[in-house]
Amino acid sequence: MRVSLKIAEPIKTANLSDSLARRIRLALGRFEALIERTHVFLDHEANSGNRRNCRCRLKISLRSAQGFFIEIRDPDAESAVRRAIDRAAWLVREHVEERTRDF
């Protein structure tokens, strides 16, 4: 499984990149045979007020034709990333269970 990270400058830190890659591998590592590539885009999204939400967009390309796209917005970057990865792990697990039910 290849992991691609793109983090916007205002929230880019060395430990965030490392922890993000490690968190992805922990959550999705058991599905490594099914996942071809994982892209993570992390940036800020301006909204109407003074608050800025962090937006985490996660795209998972499976070796089969199907893939998943998840977008989570949260004021905290770590929380947005954690929620997106948790959702991704849930979606991939559901996909695997659905495929095994068919057999």
N, C-alpha and C. Protein backbone atom coordinates (compact mmCIF):
# COMPACT_ATOMS: atom_id res chain seq x y z
N MET A 1 0.85 -1.17 0.00
CA MET A 1 0.00 0.00 0.00
C MET A 1 0.90 1.23 0.00
N ARG A 2 0.69 2.08 -0.98
CA ARG A 2 1.43 3.33 -1.04
C ARG A 2 0.59 4.44 -0.41
N VAL A 3 1.25 5.29 0.36
CA VAL A 3 0.57 6.39 1.04
C VAL A 3 1.14 7.71 0.53
N SER A 4 0.26 8.58 0.08
CA SER A 4 0.65 9.90 -0.41
C SER A 4 0.03 10.95 0.50
N LEU A 5 0.86 11.87 1.02
CA LEU A 5 0.38 12.92 1.93
C LEU A 5 0.62 14.28 1.31
N LYS A 6 -0.40 15.12 1.35
CA LYS A 6 -0.27 16.51 0.94
C LYS A 6 -0.88 17.36 2.05
N ILE A 7 -0.03 18.11 2.73
CA ILE A 7 -0.47 18.90 3.88
C ILE A 7 -0.17 20.36 3.59
N ALA A 8 -1.17 21.22 3.76
CA ALA A 8 -1.01 22.65 3.53
C ALA A 8 -0.01 23.24 4.52
N GLU A 9 0.69 24.25 4.10
CA GLU A 9 1.74 24.87 4.91
C GLU A 9 1.33 25.32 6.31
N PRO A 10 0.18 26.00 6.50
CA PRO A 10 -0.11 26.48 7.86
C PRO A 10 -0.24 25.37 8.90
N ILE A 11 -0.57 24.16 8.47
CA ILE A 11 -0.73 23.07 9.44
C ILE A 11 0.34 22.01 9.30
N LYS A 12 1.31 22.25 8.43
CA LYS A 12 2.34 21.25 8.18
C LYS A 12 3.38 21.26 9.29
N THR A 13 3.54 20.11 9.91
CA THR A 13 4.60 19.92 10.91
C THR A 13 5.20 18.55 10.67
N ALA A 14 6.43 18.37 11.07
CA ALA A 14 7.12 17.10 10.84
C ALA A 14 6.43 15.96 11.56
N ASN A 15 6.05 16.16 12.81
CA ASN A 15 5.45 15.06 13.56
C ASN A 15 4.04 14.75 13.07
N LEU A 16 3.33 15.71 12.48
CA LEU A 16 2.00 15.43 11.93
C LEU A 16 2.12 14.49 10.74
N SER A 17 3.08 14.71 9.86
CA SER A 17 3.27 13.83 8.71
C SER A 17 3.61 12.42 9.15
N ASP A 18 4.51 12.30 10.11
CA ASP A 18 4.91 10.98 10.60
C ASP A 18 3.75 10.27 11.30
N SER A 19 3.05 10.99 12.16
CA SER A 19 1.94 10.35 12.89
C SER A 19 0.80 10.00 11.95
N LEU A 20 0.58 10.80 10.92
CA LEU A 20 -0.47 10.52 9.95
C LEU A 20 -0.17 9.24 9.18
N ALA A 21 1.04 9.10 8.68
CA ALA A 21 1.42 7.88 7.95
C ALA A 21 1.34 6.65 8.85
N ARG A 22 1.80 6.79 10.09
CA ARG A 22 1.77 5.67 11.04
C ARG A 22 0.33 5.29 11.36
N ARG A 23 -0.54 6.28 11.56
CA ARG A 23 -1.94 6.02 11.88
C ARG A 23 -2.65 5.30 10.72
N ILE A 24 -2.34 5.71 9.49
CA ILE A 24 -2.93 5.05 8.32
C ILE A 24 -2.50 3.60 8.25
N ARG A 25 -1.22 3.37 8.44
CA ARG A 25 -0.73 1.98 8.37
C ARG A 25 -1.30 1.11 9.48
N LEU A 26 -1.50 1.66 10.67
CA LEU A 26 -2.11 0.90 11.76
C LEU A 26 -3.57 0.57 11.47
N ALA A 27 -4.31 1.55 10.97
CA ALA A 27 -5.75 1.36 10.74
C ALA A 27 -6.04 0.51 9.51
N LEU A 28 -5.22 0.63 8.48
CA LEU A 28 -5.52 -0.04 7.21
C LEU A 28 -4.53 -1.13 6.84
N GLY A 29 -3.53 -1.35 7.66
CA GLY A 29 -2.48 -2.33 7.35
C GLY A 29 -2.99 -3.73 7.11
N ARG A 30 -4.02 -4.13 7.84
CA ARG A 30 -4.54 -5.50 7.66
C ARG A 30 -5.22 -5.67 6.31
N PHE A 31 -5.55 -4.56 5.65
CA PHE A 31 -6.17 -4.61 4.33
C PHE A 31 -5.17 -4.28 3.22
N GLU A 32 -3.90 -4.34 3.53
CA GLU A 32 -2.87 -3.92 2.60
C GLU A 32 -2.93 -4.65 1.26
N ALA A 33 -3.33 -5.90 1.26
CA ALA A 33 -3.42 -6.67 0.02
C ALA A 33 -4.52 -6.13 -0.90
N LEU A 34 -5.52 -5.47 -0.34
CA LEU A 34 -6.63 -4.93 -1.13
C LEU A 34 -6.41 -3.50 -1.59
N ILE A 35 -5.60 -2.74 -0.85
CA ILE A 35 -5.44 -1.31 -1.10
C ILE A 35 -4.21 -1.06 -1.95
N GLU A 36 -4.44 -0.39 -3.06
CA GLU A 36 -3.32 -0.04 -3.93
C GLU A 36 -2.64 1.25 -3.47
N ARG A 37 -3.45 2.28 -3.19
CA ARG A 37 -2.89 3.57 -2.84
C ARG A 37 -3.84 4.32 -1.92
N THR A 38 -3.27 5.11 -1.02
CA THR A 38 -4.04 5.98 -0.14
C THR A 38 -3.51 7.40 -0.27
N HIS A 39 -4.38 8.33 -0.63
CA HIS A 39 -4.01 9.75 -0.75
C HIS A 39 -4.68 10.50 0.39
N VAL A 40 -3.92 11.37 1.06
CA VAL A 40 -4.48 12.22 2.11
C VAL A 40 -4.14 13.66 1.79
N PHE A 41 -5.17 14.50 1.75
CA PHE A 41 -5.01 15.93 1.52
C PHE A 41 -5.52 16.64 2.76
N LEU A 42 -4.70 17.46 3.36
CA LEU A 42 -5.06 18.15 4.59
C LEU A 42 -4.83 19.65 4.38
N ASP A 43 -5.90 20.44 4.51
CA ASP A 43 -5.77 21.88 4.35
C ASP A 43 -6.81 22.59 5.19
N HIS A 44 -6.75 23.92 5.17
CA HIS A 44 -7.73 24.74 5.89
C HIS A 44 -8.81 25.17 4.93
N GLU A 45 -10.00 25.25 5.45
CA GLU A 45 -11.14 25.69 4.66
C GLU A 45 -11.70 26.94 5.32
N ALA A 46 -11.73 28.02 4.58
CA ALA A 46 -12.28 29.26 5.13
C ALA A 46 -13.79 29.18 5.12
N ASN A 47 -14.41 29.63 6.20
CA ASN A 47 -15.87 29.70 6.24
C ASN A 47 -16.28 31.13 6.57
N SER A 48 -17.55 31.37 6.66
CA SER A 48 -18.06 32.73 6.76
C SER A 48 -17.63 33.48 8.02
N GLY A 49 -17.42 32.79 9.11
CA GLY A 49 -17.03 33.46 10.36
C GLY A 49 -15.52 33.57 10.47
N ASN A 50 -15.06 33.83 11.67
CA ASN A 50 -13.62 33.91 11.92
C ASN A 50 -13.00 32.53 12.09
N ARG A 51 -13.82 31.52 12.30
CA ARG A 51 -13.30 30.16 12.50
C ARG A 51 -12.85 29.57 11.18
N ARG A 52 -11.80 28.79 11.26
CA ARG A 52 -11.32 28.06 10.08
C ARG A 52 -11.34 26.59 10.40
N ASN A 53 -11.98 25.84 9.56
CA ASN A 53 -12.02 24.39 9.73
C ASN A 53 -10.87 23.76 8.97
N CYS A 54 -10.36 22.69 9.54
CA CYS A 54 -9.39 21.88 8.84
C CYS A 54 -10.18 20.86 8.02
N ARG A 55 -9.77 20.65 6.79
CA ARG A 55 -10.46 19.70 5.92
C ARG A 55 -9.49 18.57 5.59
N CYS A 56 -9.91 17.35 5.88
CA CYS A 56 -9.13 16.17 5.57
C CYS A 56 -9.88 15.39 4.50
N ARG A 57 -9.26 15.26 3.34
CA ARG A 57 -9.83 14.48 2.25
C ARG A 57 -8.96 13.25 2.06
N LEU A 58 -9.57 12.09 2.12
CA LEU A 58 -8.85 10.83 2.05
C LEU A 58 -9.42 10.01 0.90
N LYS A 59 -8.57 9.60 0.00
CA LYS A 59 -8.99 8.79 -1.14
C LYS A 59 -8.26 7.46 -1.08
N ILE A 60 -9.03 6.38 -1.12
CA ILE A 60 -8.46 5.04 -1.09
C ILE A 60 -8.75 4.38 -2.43
N SER A 61 -7.69 3.96 -3.10
CA SER A 61 -7.83 3.23 -4.35
C SER A 61 -7.59 1.75 -4.06
N LEU A 62 -8.61 0.96 -4.31
CA LEU A 62 -8.49 -0.48 -4.10
C LEU A 62 -7.96 -1.15 -5.36
N ARG A 63 -7.43 -2.33 -5.21
CA ARG A 63 -6.94 -3.07 -6.36
C ARG A 63 -8.09 -3.48 -7.29
N SER A 64 -9.27 -3.61 -6.72
CA SER A 64 -10.46 -3.83 -7.55
C SER A 64 -10.88 -2.47 -8.11
N ALA A 65 -11.92 -2.40 -8.86
CA ALA A 65 -12.35 -1.16 -9.51
C ALA A 65 -12.91 -0.14 -8.52
N GLN A 66 -13.40 -0.61 -7.39
CA GLN A 66 -14.05 0.28 -6.44
C GLN A 66 -13.03 1.00 -5.56
N GLY A 67 -13.37 2.22 -5.17
CA GLY A 67 -12.53 2.99 -4.27
C GLY A 67 -13.42 3.83 -3.37
N PHE A 68 -12.82 4.56 -2.45
CA PHE A 68 -13.58 5.36 -1.50
C PHE A 68 -13.00 6.77 -1.43
N PHE A 69 -13.87 7.75 -1.22
CA PHE A 69 -13.45 9.13 -1.00
C PHE A 69 -14.16 9.62 0.25
N ILE A 70 -13.40 10.14 1.19
CA ILE A 70 -13.94 10.59 2.47
C ILE A 70 -13.49 12.03 2.67
N GLU A 71 -14.40 12.88 3.12
CA GLU A 71 -14.06 14.26 3.43
C GLU A 71 -14.62 14.61 4.80
N ILE A 72 -13.74 15.03 5.69
CA ILE A 72 -14.11 15.38 7.07
C ILE A 72 -13.63 16.80 7.36
N ARG A 73 -14.50 17.57 7.99
CA ARG A 73 -14.14 18.93 8.41
C ARG A 73 -14.20 19.00 9.94
N ASP A 74 -13.19 19.62 10.52
CA ASP A 74 -13.14 19.76 11.97
C ASP A 74 -12.22 20.93 12.30
N PRO A 75 -12.48 21.67 13.38
CA PRO A 75 -11.57 22.76 13.75
C PRO A 75 -10.16 22.27 14.09
N ASP A 76 -10.03 21.05 14.54
CA ASP A 76 -8.74 20.49 14.93
C ASP A 76 -8.23 19.53 13.85
N ALA A 77 -7.00 19.73 13.38
CA ALA A 77 -6.43 18.90 12.32
C ALA A 77 -6.32 17.43 12.73
N GLU A 78 -5.82 17.19 13.93
CA GLU A 78 -5.67 15.81 14.41
C GLU A 78 -7.01 15.08 14.46
N SER A 79 -8.04 15.77 14.90
CA SER A 79 -9.36 15.18 15.00
C SER A 79 -9.92 14.87 13.61
N ALA A 80 -9.73 15.77 12.66
CA ALA A 80 -10.19 15.54 11.30
C ALA A 80 -9.52 14.32 10.69
N VAL A 81 -8.21 14.21 10.89
CA VAL A 81 -7.46 13.08 10.37
C VAL A 81 -7.92 11.78 11.02
N ARG A 82 -8.05 11.79 12.32
CA ARG A 82 -8.46 10.58 13.05
C ARG A 82 -9.84 10.11 12.58
N ARG A 83 -10.77 11.03 12.45
CA ARG A 83 -12.13 10.67 12.01
C ARG A 83 -12.13 10.14 10.58
N ALA A 84 -11.34 10.74 9.70
CA ALA A 84 -11.29 10.27 8.31
C ALA A 84 -10.69 8.87 8.21
N ILE A 85 -9.63 8.62 8.96
CA ILE A 85 -8.99 7.30 8.93
C ILE A 85 -9.91 6.25 9.54
N ASP A 86 -10.58 6.60 10.63
CA ASP A 86 -11.54 5.65 11.23
C ASP A 86 -12.65 5.30 10.25
N ARG A 87 -13.17 6.31 9.55
CA ARG A 87 -14.22 6.07 8.57
C ARG A 87 -13.70 5.20 7.42
N ALA A 88 -12.47 5.46 6.99
CA ALA A 88 -11.87 4.67 5.90
C ALA A 88 -11.72 3.21 6.30
N ALA A 89 -11.24 2.97 7.51
CA ALA A 89 -11.09 1.59 7.99
C ALA A 89 -12.44 0.89 8.04
N TRP A 90 -13.47 1.60 8.49
CA TRP A 90 -14.81 1.03 8.55
C TRP A 90 -15.32 0.68 7.15
N LEU A 91 -15.13 1.59 6.19
CA LEU A 91 -15.59 1.35 4.82
C LEU A 91 -14.89 0.16 4.18
N VAL A 92 -13.59 0.07 4.35
CA VAL A 92 -12.84 -1.05 3.77
C VAL A 92 -13.26 -2.35 4.43
N ARG A 93 -13.43 -2.35 5.75
CA ARG A 93 -13.87 -3.56 6.45
C ARG A 93 -15.24 -4.00 5.96
N GLU A 94 -16.17 -3.06 5.79
CA GLU A 94 -17.50 -3.39 5.26
C GLU A 94 -17.41 -3.95 3.85
N HIS A 95 -16.53 -3.40 3.05
CA HIS A 95 -16.33 -3.90 1.68
C HIS A 95 -15.85 -5.34 1.70
N VAL A 96 -14.89 -5.63 2.58
CA VAL A 96 -14.35 -7.00 2.69
C VAL A 96 -15.44 -7.95 3.16
N GLU A 97 -16.20 -7.56 4.18
CA GLU A 97 -17.26 -8.43 4.69
C GLU A 97 -18.34 -8.67 3.65
N GLU A 98 -18.64 -7.66 2.86
CA GLU A 98 -19.66 -7.83 1.80
C GLU A 98 -19.16 -8.80 0.74
N ARG A 99 -17.90 -8.72 0.40
CA ARG A 99 -17.34 -9.65 -0.60
C ARG A 99 -17.33 -11.08 -0.07
N THR A 100 -17.06 -11.28 1.23
CA THR A 100 -17.02 -12.63 1.77
C THR A 100 -18.41 -13.21 1.93
N ARG A 101 -19.43 -12.37 2.12
CA ARG A 101 -20.81 -12.87 2.21
C ARG A 101 -21.29 -13.40 0.88
N ASP A 102 -20.78 -12.83 -0.21
CA ASP A 102 -21.20 -13.25 -1.53
C ASP A 102 -20.71 -14.64 -1.89
N PHE A 103 -19.68 -15.13 -1.20
CA PHE A 103 -19.14 -16.45 -1.54
C PHE A 103 -19.77 -17.52 -0.74
